[in-house]
């Protein structure tokens, strides 16, 4: 479909990597360690760490330093709220 990127097309870009990281989180696994994320994405841990730090700084992810777990950040929740306002429910 024109206008929608195939996952293979975005897989090598920075946006594709961020999307792969975001896809690791779900209702059953809302919080993950860096090593759990590394098992699911094809990135060296040094590169993954840089992505995770950038995503935390941007508010996309949050990081609990006591448990060393990453989870979806509040900025994403705000974006979801904005997106939901576009639809009549």
Protein backbone atom coordinates (compact mmCIF):
# COMPACT_ATOMS: atom_id res chain seq x y z
CA UNK A 1 0.00 0.00 0.00
CA UNK A 2 1.42 3.36 -1.02
CA UNK A 3 2.16 5.72 1.86
CA UNK A 4 2.53 2.98 4.45
CA UNK A 5 6.04 1.75 5.12
CA UNK A 6 6.74 -1.94 5.07
CA UNK A 7 8.51 -3.11 8.24
CA UNK A 8 11.42 -4.28 6.07
CA UNK A 9 11.77 -0.78 4.62
CA UNK A 10 12.01 0.95 8.01
CA UNK A 11 13.97 -1.81 9.70
CA UNK A 12 17.39 -0.31 9.09
CA UNK A 13 16.57 3.31 9.86
CA UNK A 14 16.70 4.91 13.29
CA UNK A 15 12.91 5.15 13.26
CA UNK A 16 12.75 1.46 12.40
CA UNK A 17 14.98 0.59 15.33
CA UNK A 18 12.86 2.70 17.69
CA UNK A 19 9.77 0.92 16.36
CA UNK A 20 11.40 -2.49 16.96
CA UNK A 21 12.18 -1.48 20.53
CA UNK A 22 8.62 -0.23 21.09
CA UNK A 23 7.24 -3.50 19.68
CA UNK A 24 8.95 -5.38 22.54
CA UNK A 25 6.47 -3.97 25.06
CA UNK A 26 2.97 -5.41 25.45
CA UNK A 27 0.26 -5.99 28.06
CA UNK A 28 2.02 -9.12 29.30
CA UNK A 29 5.49 -7.50 29.38
CA UNK A 30 4.99 -3.77 30.12
CA UNK A 31 8.49 -3.44 31.64
CA UNK A 32 11.71 -4.96 30.35
CA UNK A 33 15.42 -4.91 31.05
CA UNK A 34 17.86 -3.87 28.36
CA UNK A 35 18.89 -7.53 28.00
CA UNK A 36 15.30 -8.65 27.48
CA UNK A 37 14.92 -6.02 24.77
CA UNK A 38 18.26 -7.06 23.24
CA UNK A 39 16.94 -10.62 22.85
CA UNK A 40 14.15 -9.29 20.64
CA UNK A 41 15.94 -6.69 18.51
CA UNK A 42 18.95 -7.09 16.28
CA UNK A 43 21.25 -4.52 17.87
CA UNK A 44 24.51 -4.78 19.78
CA UNK A 45 23.94 -3.88 23.44
CA UNK A 46 26.15 -0.79 23.11
CA UNK A 47 23.95 0.55 20.29
CA UNK A 48 20.78 -0.52 22.07
CA UNK A 49 21.89 1.33 25.21
CA UNK A 50 22.30 4.56 23.17
CA UNK A 51 18.83 4.11 21.65
CA UNK A 52 17.29 3.46 25.06
CA UNK A 53 18.98 6.52 26.58
CA UNK A 54 17.79 8.72 23.71
CA UNK A 55 14.26 7.34 24.02
CA UNK A 56 14.26 8.02 27.78
CA UNK A 57 15.52 11.58 27.20
CA UNK A 58 12.76 12.10 24.62
CA UNK A 59 10.07 10.76 26.99
CA UNK A 60 9.29 7.80 24.74
CA UNK A 61 10.46 5.37 27.43
CA UNK A 62 10.94 5.64 31.16
CA UNK A 63 13.71 3.91 33.09
CA UNK A 64 13.44 2.82 36.72
CA UNK A 65 17.01 2.97 38.01
CA UNK A 66 16.17 0.88 41.08
CA UNK A 67 14.78 -2.07 39.11
CA UNK A 68 16.68 -1.32 35.88
CA UNK A 69 13.43 -1.77 33.94
CA UNK A 70 12.32 0.22 30.91
CA UNK A 71 8.65 0.92 30.17
CA UNK A 72 6.56 3.09 27.87
CA UNK A 73 6.97 6.77 28.78
CA UNK A 74 4.21 9.20 29.66
CA UNK A 75 4.79 11.22 26.47
CA UNK A 76 3.52 8.23 24.49
CA UNK A 77 0.38 8.15 26.66
CA UNK A 78 -0.19 11.83 25.86
CA UNK A 79 0.25 11.16 22.14
CA UNK A 80 -2.21 8.28 22.38
CA UNK A 81 -4.74 10.61 23.98
CA UNK A 82 -4.33 13.09 21.15
CA UNK A 83 -4.71 10.30 18.59
CA UNK A 84 -7.87 9.00 20.29
CA UNK A 85 -9.44 12.47 20.13
CA UNK A 86 -9.47 12.13 16.33
CA UNK A 87 -11.96 9.27 16.46
CA UNK A 88 -15.61 9.36 17.41
CA UNK A 89 -16.25 6.71 20.01
